[in-house]
């Protein structure tokens, strides 16, 4: 997996990007990458840190930079968390329930309502 286009920090082996923490070595194809929504999952972080060949000092620096850049928020949707971390969403997400359709023709005769047509 190629590095995300938004790069915030680059170390020797790891980079903090808009997708989270990514390994710079592209031959790994994103196997060790950590998404923004999973930065605070300590079990996942420790399992990635314990892999052979991982530069622990560089990984720890990347984790500290990523956790400063993307603070933990109590959201249930990882997509919303990633969009907020990137600065795309500023306001809190409101429940996207569509309101019931309002009929404005109640109590009127249909022949007096304005007509509309779709033009081709």
PDB file of N, CA and C in Angstrom:
ATOM      1  N   UNK A   1       0.851  -1.179   0.000  1.00  0.00           N
ATOM      2  CA  UNK A   1       0.000   0.000   0.000  1.00  0.00           C
ATOM      3  C   UNK A   1       0.893   1.237   0.000  1.00  0.00           C
ATOM      4  N   UNK A   2       0.643   2.139  -0.890  1.00  0.00           N
ATOM      5  CA  UNK A   2       1.435   3.358  -0.976  1.00  0.00           C
ATOM      6  C   UNK A   2       1.131   4.264   0.217  1.00  0.00           C
ATOM      7  N   UNK A   3       2.082   5.123   0.536  1.00  0.00           N
ATOM      8  CA  UNK A   3       1.867   6.058   1.634  1.00  0.00           C
ATOM      9  C   UNK A   3       0.736   7.015   1.290  1.00  0.00           C
ATOM     10  N   UNK A   4      -0.006   7.377   2.294  1.00  0.00           N
ATOM     11  CA  UNK A   4      -1.097   8.336   2.135  1.00  0.00           C
ATOM     12  C   UNK A   4      -0.514   9.674   1.687  1.00  0.00           C
ATOM     13  N   UNK A   5      -1.285  10.472   0.982  1.00  0.00           N
ATOM     14  CA  UNK A   5      -0.756  11.727   0.448  1.00  0.00           C
ATOM     15  C   UNK A   5      -0.471  12.773   1.521  1.00  0.00           C
ATOM     16  N   UNK A   6      -1.176  12.704   2.655  1.00  0.00           N
ATOM     17  CA  UNK A   6      -0.926  13.636   3.754  1.00  0.00           C
ATOM     18  C   UNK A   6       0.104  13.014   4.691  1.00  0.00           C
ATOM     19  N   UNK A   7       1.338  13.530   4.666  1.00  0.00           N
ATOM     20  CA  UNK A   7       2.411  13.000   5.503  1.00  0.00           C
ATOM     21  C   UNK A   7       2.743  14.059   6.555  1.00  0.00           C
ATOM     22  N   UNK A   8       2.643  13.675   7.843  1.00  0.00           N
ATOM     23  CA  UNK A   8       2.866  14.612   8.934  1.00  0.00           C
ATOM     24  C   UNK A   8       4.224  14.432   9.592  1.00  0.00           C
ATOM     25  N   UNK A   9       4.765  13.224   9.572  1.00  0.00           N
ATOM     26  CA  UNK A   9       6.073  12.950  10.187  1.00  0.00           C
ATOM     27  C   UNK A   9       6.677  11.741   9.489  1.00  0.00           C
ATOM     28  N   UNK A  10       7.988  11.788   9.251  1.00  0.00           N
ATOM     29  CA  UNK A  10       8.682  10.676   8.621  1.00  0.00           C
ATOM     30  C   UNK A  10       9.890  10.321   9.474  1.00  0.00           C
ATOM     31  N   UNK A  11       9.988   9.064   9.847  1.00  0.00           N
ATOM     32  CA  UNK A  11      11.144   8.562  10.581  1.00  0.00           C
ATOM     33  C   UNK A  11      11.972   7.662   9.681  1.00  0.00           C
ATOM     34  N   UNK A  12      12.796   6.818  10.291  1.00  0.00           N
ATOM     35  CA  UNK A  12      13.605   5.898   9.491  1.00  0.00           C
ATOM     36  C   UNK A  12      12.791   4.746   8.928  1.00  0.00           C
ATOM     37  N   UNK A  13      11.862   4.239   9.714  1.00  0.00           N
ATOM     38  CA  UNK A  13      11.099   3.073   9.304  1.00  0.00           C
ATOM     39  C   UNK A  13       9.597   3.330   9.249  1.00  0.00           C
ATOM     40  N   UNK A  14       9.125   4.363   9.950  1.00  0.00           N
ATOM     41  CA  UNK A  14       7.694   4.630  10.075  1.00  0.00           C
ATOM     42  C   UNK A  14       7.365   6.049   9.660  1.00  0.00           C
ATOM     43  N   UNK A  15       6.124   6.261   9.230  1.00  0.00           N
ATOM     44  CA  UNK A  15       5.630   7.587   8.878  1.00  0.00           C
ATOM     45  C   UNK A  15       4.229   7.758   9.457  1.00  0.00           C
ATOM     46  N   UNK A  16       3.948   8.968   9.919  1.00  0.00           N
ATOM     47  CA  UNK A  16       2.601   9.309  10.383  1.00  0.00           C
ATOM     48  C   UNK A  16       1.929  10.045   9.234  1.00  0.00           C
ATOM     49  N   UNK A  17       0.850   9.463   8.724  1.00  0.00           N
ATOM     50  CA  UNK A  17       0.162  10.021   7.561  1.00  0.00           C
ATOM     51  C   UNK A  17      -1.313  10.236   7.890  1.00  0.00           C
ATOM     52  N   UNK A  18      -2.053  10.649   6.910  1.00  0.00           N
ATOM     53  CA  UNK A  18      -3.484  10.841   7.075  1.00  0.00           C
ATOM     54  C   UNK A  18      -4.239   9.547   7.280  1.00  0.00           C
ATOM     55  N   UNK A  19      -3.595   8.416   7.028  1.00  0.00           N
ATOM     56  CA  UNK A  19      -4.230   7.117   7.237  1.00  0.00           C
ATOM     57  C   UNK A  19      -3.875   6.515   8.586  1.00  0.00           C
ATOM     58  N   UNK A  20      -2.915   7.099   9.292  1.00  0.00           N
ATOM     59  CA  UNK A  20      -2.463   6.571  10.581  1.00  0.00           C
ATOM     60  C   UNK A  20      -0.952   6.429  10.576  1.00  0.00           C
ATOM     61  N   UNK A  21      -0.460   5.283  11.038  1.00  0.00           N
ATOM     62  CA  UNK A  21       0.972   4.993  11.024  1.00  0.00           C
ATOM     63  C   UNK A  21       1.215   3.982   9.914  1.00  0.00           C
ATOM     64  N   UNK A  22       2.155   4.315   9.025  1.00  0.00           N
ATOM     65  CA  UNK A  22       2.451   3.430   7.914  1.00  0.00           C
ATOM     66  C   UNK A  22       3.939   3.132   7.874  1.00  0.00           C
ATOM     67  N   UNK A  23       4.263   1.900   7.505  1.00  0.00           N
ATOM     68  CA  UNK A  23       5.661   1.528   7.317  1.00  0.00           C
ATOM     69  C   UNK A  23       6.150   2.151   6.016  1.00  0.00           C
ATOM     70  N   UNK A  24       7.354   2.706   6.040  1.00  0.00           N
ATOM     71  CA  UNK A  24       7.901   3.357   4.854  1.00  0.00           C
ATOM     72  C   UNK A  24       8.264   2.322   3.795  1.00  0.00           C
ATOM     73  N   UNK A  25       8.701   1.147   4.215  1.00  0.00           N
ATOM     74  CA  UNK A  25       9.078   0.081   3.295  1.00  0.00           C
ATOM     75  C   UNK A  25       7.833  -0.409   2.557  1.00  0.00           C
ATOM     76  N   UNK A  26       7.740  -0.127   1.273  1.00  0.00           N
ATOM     77  CA  UNK A  26       6.551  -0.471   0.498  1.00  0.00           C
ATOM     78  C   UNK A  26       6.481  -1.952   0.148  1.00  0.00           C
ATOM     79  N   UNK A  27       7.562  -2.687   0.373  1.00  0.00           N
ATOM     80  CA  UNK A  27       7.532  -4.123   0.101  1.00  0.00           C
ATOM     81  C   UNK A  27       6.647  -4.865   1.094  1.00  0.00           C
ATOM     82  N   UNK A  28       6.345  -4.258   2.239  1.00  0.00           N
ATOM     83  CA  UNK A  28       5.475  -4.890   3.233  1.00  0.00           C
ATOM     84  C   UNK A  28       4.000  -4.819   2.845  1.00  0.00           C
ATOM     85  N   UNK A  29       3.682  -3.984   1.883  1.00  0.00           N
ATOM     86  CA  UNK A  29       2.323  -3.829   1.348  1.00  0.00           C
ATOM     87  C   UNK A  29       1.282  -3.495   2.419  1.00  0.00           C
ATOM     88  N   UNK A  30       1.657  -2.723   3.398  1.00  0.00           N
ATOM     89  CA  UNK A  30       0.703  -2.256   4.404  1.00  0.00           C
ATOM     90  C   UNK A  30       0.344  -3.254   5.475  1.00  0.00           C
ATOM     91  N   UNK A  31       1.121  -4.322   5.612  1.00  0.00           N
ATOM     92  CA  UNK A  31       0.800  -5.352   6.604  1.00  0.00           C
ATOM     93  C   UNK A  31       0.913  -4.809   8.023  1.00  0.00           C
ATOM     94  N   UNK A  32       1.893  -3.951   8.281  1.00  0.00           N
ATOM     95  CA  UNK A  32       2.124  -3.450   9.634  1.00  0.00           C
ATOM     96  C   UNK A  32       1.461  -2.103   9.909  1.00  0.00           C
ATOM     97  N   UNK A  33       0.765  -1.548   8.946  1.00  0.00           N
ATOM     98  CA  UNK A  33       0.149  -0.235   9.117  1.00  0.00           C
ATOM     99  C   UNK A  33      -0.927  -0.269  10.193  1.00  0.00           C
ATOM    100  N   UNK A  34      -1.113   0.875  10.860  1.00  0.00           N
ATOM    101  CA  UNK A  34      -2.138   1.013  11.898  1.00  0.00           C
ATOM    102  C   UNK A  34      -3.029   2.185  11.511  1.00  0.00           C
ATOM    103  N   UNK A  35      -4.324   1.934  11.370  1.00  0.00           N
ATOM    104  CA  UNK A  35      -5.271   2.972  10.993  1.00  0.00           C
ATOM    105  C   UNK A  35      -5.496   3.940  12.157  1.00  0.00           C
ATOM    106  N   UNK A  36      -6.017   5.106  11.863  1.00  0.00           N
ATOM    107  CA  UNK A  36      -6.272   6.133  12.885  1.00  0.00           C
ATOM    108  C   UNK A  36      -7.221   5.610  13.956  1.00  0.00           C
ATOM    109  N   UNK A  37      -8.249   4.905  13.556  1.00  0.00           N
ATOM    110  CA  UNK A  37      -9.245   4.416  14.508  1.00  0.00           C
ATOM    111  C   UNK A  37      -8.667   3.393  15.472  1.00  0.00           C
ATOM    112  N   UNK A  38      -7.536   2.755  15.114  1.00  0.00           N
ATOM    113  CA  UNK A  38      -6.964   1.704  15.964  1.00  0.00           C
ATOM    114  C   UNK A  38      -5.676   2.146  16.657  1.00  0.00           C
ATOM    115  N   UNK A  39      -5.370   3.437  16.626  1.00  0.00           N
ATOM    116  CA  UNK A  39      -4.157   3.928  17.285  1.00  0.00           C
ATOM    117  C   UNK A  39      -4.175   3.713  18.787  1.00  0.00           C
ATOM    118  N   UNK A  40      -5.349   3.652  19.370  1.00  0.00           N
ATOM    119  CA  UNK A  40      -5.468   3.540  20.827  1.00  0.00           C
ATOM    120  C   UNK A  40      -5.721   2.105  21.270  1.00  0.00           C
ATOM    121  N   UNK A  41      -5.654   1.157  20.358  1.00  0.00           N
ATOM    122  CA  UNK A  41      -5.801  -0.262  20.680  1.00  0.00           C
ATOM    123  C   UNK A  41      -4.432  -0.789  21.118  1.00  0.00           C
ATOM    124  N   UNK A  42      -4.228  -0.883  22.424  1.00  0.00           N
ATOM    125  CA  UNK A  42      -2.913  -1.240  22.962  1.00  0.00           C
ATOM    126  C   UNK A  42      -2.462  -2.639  22.566  1.00  0.00           C
ATOM    127  N   UNK A  43      -3.389  -3.571  22.436  1.00  0.00           N
ATOM    128  CA  UNK A  43      -3.007  -4.930  22.032  1.00  0.00           C
ATOM    129  C   UNK A  43      -2.442  -4.941  20.616  1.00  0.00           C
ATOM    130  N   UNK A  44      -3.082  -4.212  19.716  1.00  0.00           N
ATOM    131  CA  UNK A  44      -2.596  -4.137  18.342  1.00  0.00           C
ATOM    132  C   UNK A  44      -1.242  -3.439  18.279  1.00  0.00           C
ATOM    133  N   UNK A  45      -1.099  -2.353  19.022  1.00  0.00           N
ATOM    134  CA  UNK A  45       0.160  -1.605  19.023  1.00  0.00           C
ATOM    135  C   UNK A  45       1.298  -2.473  19.540  1.00  0.00           C
ATOM    136  N   UNK A  46       1.064  -3.199  20.625  1.00  0.00           N
ATOM    137  CA  UNK A  46       2.122  -4.054  21.175  1.00  0.00           C
ATOM    138  C   UNK A  46       2.459  -5.213  20.239  1.00  0.00           C
ATOM    139  N   UNK A  47       1.461  -5.731  19.538  1.00  0.00           N
ATOM    140  CA  UNK A  47       1.744  -6.821  18.602  1.00  0.00           C
ATOM    141  C   UNK A  47       2.568  -6.331  17.421  1.00  0.00           C
ATOM    142  N   UNK A  48       2.305  -5.113  16.947  1.00  0.00           N
ATOM    143  CA  UNK A  48       3.108  -4.545  15.848  1.00  0.00           C
ATOM    144  C   UNK A  48       4.530  -4.229  16.321  1.00  0.00           C
ATOM    145  N   UNK A  49       4.651  -3.744  17.554  1.00  0.00           N
ATOM    146  CA  UNK A  49       5.964  -3.378  18.096  1.00  0.00           C
ATOM    147  C   UNK A  49       6.834  -4.610  18.328  1.00  0.00           C
ATOM    148  N   UNK A  50       6.218  -5.749  18.623  1.00  0.00           N
ATOM    149  CA  UNK A  50       6.951  -6.970  18.916  1.00  0.00           C
ATOM    150  C   UNK A  50       7.393  -7.739  17.665  1.00  0.00           C
ATOM    151  N   UNK A  51       6.979  -7.297  16.496  1.00  0.00           N
ATOM    152  CA  UNK A  51       7.360  -7.987  15.267  1.00  0.00           C
ATOM    153  C   UNK A  51       8.870  -7.899  15.062  1.00  0.00           C
ATOM    154  N   UNK A  52       9.474  -8.950  14.500  1.00  0.00           N
ATOM    155  CA  UNK A  52      10.917  -8.899  14.249  1.00  0.00           C
ATOM    156  C   UNK A  52      11.247  -7.868  13.169  1.00  0.00           C
ATOM    157  N   UNK A  53      12.322  -7.144  13.370  1.00  0.00           N
ATOM    158  CA  UNK A  53      12.762  -6.146  12.403  1.00  0.00           C
ATOM    159  C   UNK A  53      12.184  -4.766  12.611  1.00  0.00           C
ATOM    160  N   UNK A  54      11.357  -4.589  13.629  1.00  0.00           N
ATOM    161  CA  UNK A  54      10.752  -3.280  13.891  1.00  0.00           C
ATOM    162  C   UNK A  54      11.703  -2.460  14.743  1.00  0.00           C
ATOM    163  N   UNK A  55      12.010  -1.258  14.287  1.00  0.00           N
ATOM    164  CA  UNK A  55      12.833  -0.321  15.041  1.00  0.00           C
ATOM    165  C   UNK A  55      11.950   0.250  16.158  1.00  0.00           C
ATOM    166  N   UNK A  56      12.175  -0.193  17.384  1.00  0.00           N
ATOM    167  CA  UNK A  56      11.292   0.151  18.503  1.00  0.00           C
ATOM    168  C   UNK A  56      11.312   1.643  18.811  1.00  0.00           C
ATOM    169  N   UNK A  57      12.481   2.268  18.753  1.00  0.00           N
ATOM    170  CA  UNK A  57      12.571   3.703  19.059  1.00  0.00           C
ATOM    171  C   UNK A  57      11.802   4.527  18.023  1.00  0.00           C
ATOM    172  N   UNK A  58      11.951   4.172  16.775  1.00  0.00           N
ATOM    173  CA  UNK A  58      11.250   4.883  15.707  1.00  0.00           C
ATOM    174  C   UNK A  58       9.746   4.639  15.794  1.00  0.00           C
ATOM    175  N   UNK A  59       9.357   3.414  16.129  1.00  0.00           N
ATOM    176  CA  UNK A  59       7.944   3.085  16.277  1.00  0.00           C
ATOM    177  C   UNK A  59       7.320   3.859  17.433  1.00  0.00           C
ATOM    178  N   UNK A  60       8.032   3.950  18.556  1.00  0.00           N
ATOM    179  CA  UNK A  60       7.517   4.694  19.714  1.00  0.00           C
ATOM    180  C   UNK A  60       7.365   6.177  19.394  1.00  0.00           C
ATOM    181  N   UNK A  61       8.323   6.736  18.662  1.00  0.00           N
ATOM    182  CA  UNK A  61       8.235   8.153  18.275  1.00  0.00           C
ATOM    183  C   UNK A  61       7.036   8.358  17.342  1.00  0.00           C
ATOM    184  N   UNK A  62       6.847   7.427  16.398  1.00  0.00           N
ATOM    185  CA  UNK A  62       5.704   7.529  15.485  1.00  0.00           C
ATOM    186  C   UNK A  62       4.384   7.431  16.252  1.00  0.00           C
ATOM    187  N   UNK A  63       4.326   6.546  17.242  1.00  0.00           N
ATOM    188  CA  UNK A  63       3.102   6.418  18.039  1.00  0.00           C
ATOM    189  C   UNK A  63       2.816   7.695  18.819  1.00  0.00           C
ATOM    190  N   UNK A  64       3.848   8.298  19.403  1.00  0.00           N
ATOM    191  CA  UNK A  64       3.620   9.520  20.175  1.00  0.00           C
ATOM    192  C   UNK A  64       3.181  10.665  19.268  1.00  0.00           C
ATOM    193  N   UNK A  65       3.790  10.787  18.086  1.00  0.00           N
ATOM    194  CA  UNK A  65       3.387  11.844  17.149  1.00  0.00           C
ATOM    195  C   UNK A  65       1.959  11.603  16.657  1.00  0.00           C
ATOM    196  N   UNK A  66       1.633  10.339  16.344  1.00  0.00           N
ATOM    197  CA  UNK A  66       0.293  10.020  15.844  1.00  0.00           C
ATOM    198  C   UNK A  66      -0.773  10.254  16.906  1.00  0.00           C
ATOM    199  N   UNK A  67      -0.476   9.892  18.147  1.00  0.00           N
ATOM    200  CA  UNK A  67      -1.474  10.095  19.205  1.00  0.00           C
ATOM    201  C   UNK A  67      -1.649  11.568  19.546  1.00  0.00           C
ATOM    202  N   UNK A  68      -0.615  12.383  19.354  1.00  0.00           N
ATOM    203  CA  UNK A  68      -0.786  13.828  19.518  1.00  0.00           C
ATOM    204  C   UNK A  68      -1.603  14.396  18.368  1.00  0.00           C
ATOM    205  N   UNK A  69      -1.332  13.908  17.175  1.00  0.00           N
ATOM    206  CA  UNK A  69      -1.997  14.416  15.978  1.00  0.00           C
ATOM    207  C   UNK A  69      -3.465  13.986  15.932  1.00  0.00           C
ATOM    208  N   UNK A  70      -3.730  12.751  16.329  1.00  0.00           N
ATOM    209  CA  UNK A  70      -5.080  12.188  16.285  1.00  0.00           C
ATOM    210  C   UNK A  70      -5.506  11.786  17.690  1.00  0.00           C
ATOM    211  N   UNK A  71      -6.015  12.717  18.502  1.00  0.00           N
ATOM    212  CA  UNK A  71      -6.405  12.371  19.884  1.00  0.00           C
ATOM    213  C   UNK A  71      -7.591  11.408  19.889  1.00  0.00           C
ATOM    214  N   UNK A  72      -7.662  10.656  20.975  1.00  0.00           N
ATOM    215  CA  UNK A  72      -8.721   9.661  21.122  1.00  0.00           C
ATOM    216  C   UNK A  72     -10.044  10.350  21.396  1.00  0.00           C
ATOM    217  N   UNK A  73     -11.063   9.967  20.631  1.00  0.00           N
ATOM    218  CA  UNK A  73     -12.397  10.513  20.821  1.00  0.00           C
ATOM    219  C   UNK A  73     -13.383   9.365  20.982  1.00  0.00           C
ATOM    220  N   UNK A  74     -14.383   9.548  21.792  1.00  0.00           N
ATOM    221  CA  UNK A  74     -15.362   8.469  21.983  1.00  0.00           C
ATOM    222  C   UNK A  74     -16.364   8.398  20.836  1.00  0.00           C
ATOM    223  N   UNK A  75     -15.924   7.924  19.688  1.00  0.00           N
ATOM    224  CA  UNK A  75     -16.830   7.752  18.557  1.00  0.00           C
ATOM    225  C   UNK A  75     -16.908   6.270  18.225  1.00  0.00           C
ATOM    226  N   UNK A  76     -18.048   5.872  17.748  1.00  0.00           N
ATOM    227  CA  UNK A  76     -18.229   4.462  17.422  1.00  0.00           C
ATOM    228  C   UNK A  76     -17.895   4.165  15.967  1.00  0.00           C
ATOM    229  N   UNK A  77     -17.913   5.168  15.111  1.00  0.00           N
ATOM    230  CA  UNK A  77     -17.664   4.959  13.698  1.00  0.00           C
ATOM    231  C   UNK A  77     -16.229   5.336  13.348  1.00  0.00           C
ATOM    232  N   UNK A  78     -15.408   4.397  12.863  1.00  0.00           N
ATOM    233  CA  UNK A  78     -14.014   4.724  12.554  1.00  0.00           C
ATOM    234  C   UNK A  78     -13.874   5.702  11.393  1.00  0.00           C
ATOM    235  N   UNK A  79     -14.833   5.705  10.460  1.00  0.00           N
ATOM    236  CA  UNK A  79     -14.770   6.651   9.349  1.00  0.00           C
ATOM    237  C   UNK A  79     -14.949   8.079   9.844  1.00  0.00           C
ATOM    238  N   UNK A  80     -15.876   8.298  10.759  1.00  0.00           N
ATOM    239  CA  UNK A  80     -16.091   9.625  11.325  1.00  0.00           C
ATOM    240  C   UNK A  80     -14.860  10.065  12.107  1.00  0.00           C
ATOM    241  N   UNK A  81     -14.237   9.139  12.844  1.00  0.00           N
ATOM    242  CA  UNK A  81     -13.028   9.469  13.594  1.00  0.00           C
ATOM    243  C   UNK A  81     -11.901   9.892  12.659  1.00  0.00           C
ATOM    244  N   UNK A  82     -11.759   9.204  11.538  1.00  0.00           N
ATOM    245  CA  UNK A  82     -10.703   9.547  10.598  1.00  0.00           C
ATOM    246  C   UNK A  82     -10.982  10.893   9.932  1.00  0.00           C
ATOM    247  N   UNK A  83     -12.217  11.167   9.568  1.00  0.00           N
ATOM    248  CA  UNK A  83     -12.548  12.446   8.949  1.00  0.00           C
ATOM    249  C   UNK A  83     -12.357  13.604   9.914  1.00  0.00           C
ATOM    250  N   UNK A  84     -12.690  13.407  11.191  1.00  0.00           N
ATOM    251  CA  UNK A  84     -12.460  14.451  12.186  1.00  0.00           C
ATOM    252  C   UNK A  84     -10.974  14.680  12.399  1.00  0.00           C
ATOM    253  N   UNK A  85     -10.197  13.595  12.395  1.00  0.00           N
ATOM    254  CA  UNK A  85      -8.758  13.726  12.595  1.00  0.00           C
ATOM    255  C   UNK A  85      -8.101  14.464  11.438  1.00  0.00           C
ATOM    256  N   UNK A  86      -8.612  14.288  10.246  1.00  0.00           N
ATOM    257  CA  UNK A  86      -8.054  14.985   9.085  1.00  0.00           C
ATOM    258  C   UNK A  86      -8.550  16.419   8.975  1.00  0.00           C
ATOM    259  N   UNK A  87      -9.539  16.784   9.763  1.00  0.00           N
ATOM    260  CA  UNK A  87     -10.053  18.146   9.738  1.00  0.00           C
ATOM    261  C   UNK A  87     -11.159  18.352   8.720  1.00  0.00           C
ATOM    262  N   UNK A  88     -11.668  17.288   8.133  1.00  0.00           N
ATOM    263  CA  UNK A  88     -12.737  17.408   7.155  1.00  0.00           C
ATOM    264  C   UNK A  88     -14.046  17.741   7.861  1.00  0.00           C
ATOM    265  N   UNK A  89     -14.315  17.059   8.967  1.00  0.00           N
ATOM    266  CA  UNK A  89     -15.510  17.326   9.768  1.00  0.00           C
ATOM    267  C   UNK A  89     -15.135  18.180  10.966  1.00  0.00           C
ATOM    268  N   UNK A  90     -15.832  19.269  11.144  1.00  0.00           N
ATOM    269  CA  UNK A  90     -15.568  20.120  12.296  1.00  0.00           C
ATOM    270  C   UNK A  90     -16.668  20.022  13.333  1.00  0.00           C
ATOM    271  N   UNK A  91     -17.892  19.920  12.877  1.00  0.00           N
ATOM    272  CA  UNK A  91     -19.024  19.822  13.795  1.00  0.00           C
ATOM    273  C   UNK A  91     -19.314  18.354  14.077  1.00  0.00           C
ATOM    274  N   UNK A  92     -20.003  18.125  15.161  1.00  0.00           N
ATOM    275  CA  UNK A  92     -20.358  16.747  15.485  1.00  0.00           C
ATOM    276  C   UNK A  92     -21.396  16.242  14.487  1.00  0.00           C
ATOM    277  N   UNK A  93     -21.353  14.983  14.237  1.00  0.00           N
ATOM    278  CA  UNK A  93     -22.250  14.382  13.266  1.00  0.00           C
ATOM    279  C   UNK A  93     -23.613  14.185  13.916  1.00  0.00           C
ATOM    280  N   UNK A  94     -24.644  14.706  13.265  1.00  0.00           N
ATOM    281  CA  UNK A  94     -26.010  14.585  13.750  1.00  0.00           C
ATOM    282  C   UNK A  94     -26.588  13.312  13.163  1.00  0.00           C
ATOM    283  N   UNK A  95     -27.474  12.687  13.871  1.00  0.00           N
ATOM    284  CA  UNK A  95     -28.093  11.468  13.389  1.00  0.00           C
ATOM    285  C   UNK A  95     -28.751  11.736  12.029  1.00  0.00           C
ATOM    286  N   UNK A  96     -28.303  11.031  10.986  1.00  0.00           N
ATOM    287  CA  UNK A  96     -28.782  11.347   9.638  1.00  0.00           C
ATOM    288  C   UNK A  96     -30.145  10.745   9.308  1.00  0.00           C
ATOM    289  N   UNK A  97     -31.117  10.925  10.176  1.00  0.00           N
ATOM    290  CA  UNK A  97     -32.460  10.419   9.914  1.00  0.00           C
ATOM    291  C   UNK A  97     -33.185  11.444   9.051  1.00  0.00           C
ATOM    292  N   UNK A  98     -33.740  10.962   7.966  1.00  0.00           N
ATOM    293  CA  UNK A  98     -34.456  11.843   7.048  1.00  0.00           C
ATOM    294  C   UNK A  98     -35.824  12.148   7.644  1.00  0.00           C
ATOM    295  N   UNK A  99     -36.199  13.431   7.699  1.00  0.00           N
ATOM    296  CA  UNK A  99     -37.516  13.747   8.258  1.00  0.00           C
ATOM    297  C   UNK A  99     -38.629  13.207   7.354  1.00  0.00           C
ATOM    298  N   UNK A 100     -39.782  13.019   7.962  1.00  0.00           N
ATOM    299  CA  UNK A 100     -40.931  12.515   7.203  1.00  0.00           C
ATOM    300  C   UNK A 100     -41.308  13.510   6.116  1.00  0.00           C
ATOM    301  N   UNK A 101     -41.793  12.980   5.015  1.00  0.00           N
ATOM    302  CA  UNK A 101     -42.133  13.820   3.877  1.00  0.00           C
ATOM    303  C   UNK A 101     -43.345  14.688   4.216  1.00  0.00           C
ATOM    304  N   UNK A 102     -43.250  15.955   3.941  1.00  0.00           N
ATOM    305  CA  UNK A 102     -44.328  16.897   4.223  1.00  0.00           C
ATOM    306  C   UNK A 102     -45.145  17.122   2.949  1.00  0.00           C
ATOM    307  N   UNK A 103     -46.405  16.816   3.020  1.00  0.00           N
ATOM    308  CA  UNK A 103     -47.271  17.073   1.880  1.00  0.00           C
ATOM    309  C   UNK A 103     -47.894  18.450   2.039  1.00  0.00           C
ATOM    310  N   UNK A 104     -47.690  19.279   1.028  1.00  0.00           N
ATOM    311  CA  UNK A 104     -48.228  20.637   1.095  1.00  0.00           C
ATOM    312  C   UNK A 104     -49.520  20.768   0.306  1.00  0.00           C
ATOM    313  N   UNK A 105     -50.075  19.654  -0.124  1.00  0.00           N
ATOM    314  CA  UNK A 105     -51.293  19.699  -0.937  1.00  0.00           C
ATOM    315  C   UNK A 105     -52.533  19.371  -0.128  1.00  0.00           C
ATOM    316  N   UNK A 106     -52.377  19.199   1.161  1.00  0.00           N
ATOM    317  CA  UNK A 106     -53.526  18.826   1.976  1.00  0.00           C
ATOM    318  C   UNK A 106     -54.527  19.979   2.051  1.00  0.00           C
ATOM    319  N   UNK A 107     -55.754  19.651   1.804  1.00  0.00           N
ATOM    320  CA  UNK A 107     -56.820  20.642   1.909  1.00  0.00           C
ATOM    321  C   UNK A 107     -56.987  21.502   0.669  1.00  0.00           C
ATOM    322  N   UNK A 108     -56.225  21.244  -0.377  1.00  0.00           N
ATOM    323  CA  UNK A 108     -56.366  22.018  -1.615  1.00  0.00           C
ATOM    324  C   UNK A 108     -56.821  21.113  -2.749  1.00  0.00           C
ATOM    325  N   UNK A 109     -57.419  21.697  -3.696  1.00  0.00           N
ATOM    326  CA  UNK A 109     -57.824  20.938  -4.873  1.00  0.00           C
ATOM    327  C   UNK A 109     -56.625  20.754  -5.791  1.00  0.00           C
ATOM    328  N   UNK A 110     -56.490  19.576  -6.345  1.00  0.00           N
ATOM    329  CA  UNK A 110     -55.323  19.253  -7.157  1.00  0.00           C
ATOM    330  C   UNK A 110     -55.251  20.090  -8.426  1.00  0.00           C
ATOM    331  N   UNK A 111     -56.381  20.493  -8.960  1.00  0.00           N
ATOM    332  CA  UNK A 111     -56.332  21.237 -10.217  1.00  0.00           C
ATOM    333  C   UNK A 111     -55.797  22.652 -10.033  1.00  0.00           C
ATOM    334  N   UNK A 112     -55.733  23.144  -8.781  1.00  0.00           N
ATOM    335  CA  UNK A 112     -55.212  24.486  -8.551  1.00  0.00           C
ATOM    336  C   UNK A 112     -53.754  24.497  -8.091  1.00  0.00           C
ATOM    337  N   UNK A 113     -53.154  23.338  -7.945  1.00  0.00           N
ATOM    338  CA  UNK A 113     -51.751  23.264  -7.542  1.00  0.00           C
ATOM    339  C   UNK A 113     -50.846  23.525  -8.737  1.00  0.00           C
ATOM    340  N   UNK A 114     -49.682  24.132  -8.519  1.00  0.00           N
ATOM    341  CA  UNK A 114     -48.768  24.361  -9.647  1.00  0.00           C
ATOM    342  C   UNK A 114     -48.250  23.025 -10.195  1.00  0.00           C
ATOM    343  N   UNK A 115     -48.123  22.968 -11.497  1.00  0.00           N
ATOM    344  CA  UNK A 115     -47.651  21.762 -12.144  1.00  0.00           C
ATOM    345  C   UNK A 115     -46.156  21.894 -12.436  1.00  0.00           C
ATOM    346  N   UNK A 116     -45.512  20.755 -12.522  1.00  0.00           N
ATOM    347  CA  UNK A 116     -44.088  20.743 -12.875  1.00  0.00           C
ATOM    348  C   UNK A 116     -43.843  19.613 -13.847  1.00  0.00           C
ATOM    349  N   UNK A 117     -42.838  19.792 -14.664  1.00  0.00           N
ATOM    350  CA  UNK A 117     -42.499  18.788 -15.659  1.00  0.00           C
ATOM    351  C   UNK A 117     -40.982  18.633 -15.715  1.00  0.00           C
ATOM    352  N   UNK A 118     -40.566  17.444 -16.060  1.00  0.00           N
ATOM    353  CA  UNK A 118     -39.147  17.176 -16.245  1.00  0.00           C
ATOM    354  C   UNK A 118     -38.832  17.365 -17.710  1.00  0.00           C
ATOM    355  N   UNK A 119     -37.869  18.254 -17.994  1.00  0.00           N
ATOM    356  CA  UNK A 119     -37.494  18.494 -19.386  1.00  0.00           C
ATOM    357  C   UNK A 119     -36.339  17.598 -19.756  1.00  0.00           C
ATOM    358  N   UNK A 120     -36.339  17.171 -20.972  1.00  0.00           N
ATOM    359  CA  UNK A 120     -35.263  16.320 -21.459  1.00  0.00           C
ATOM    360  C   UNK A 120     -34.278  17.093 -22.267  1.00  0.00           C
TER     361      UNK A 120
END
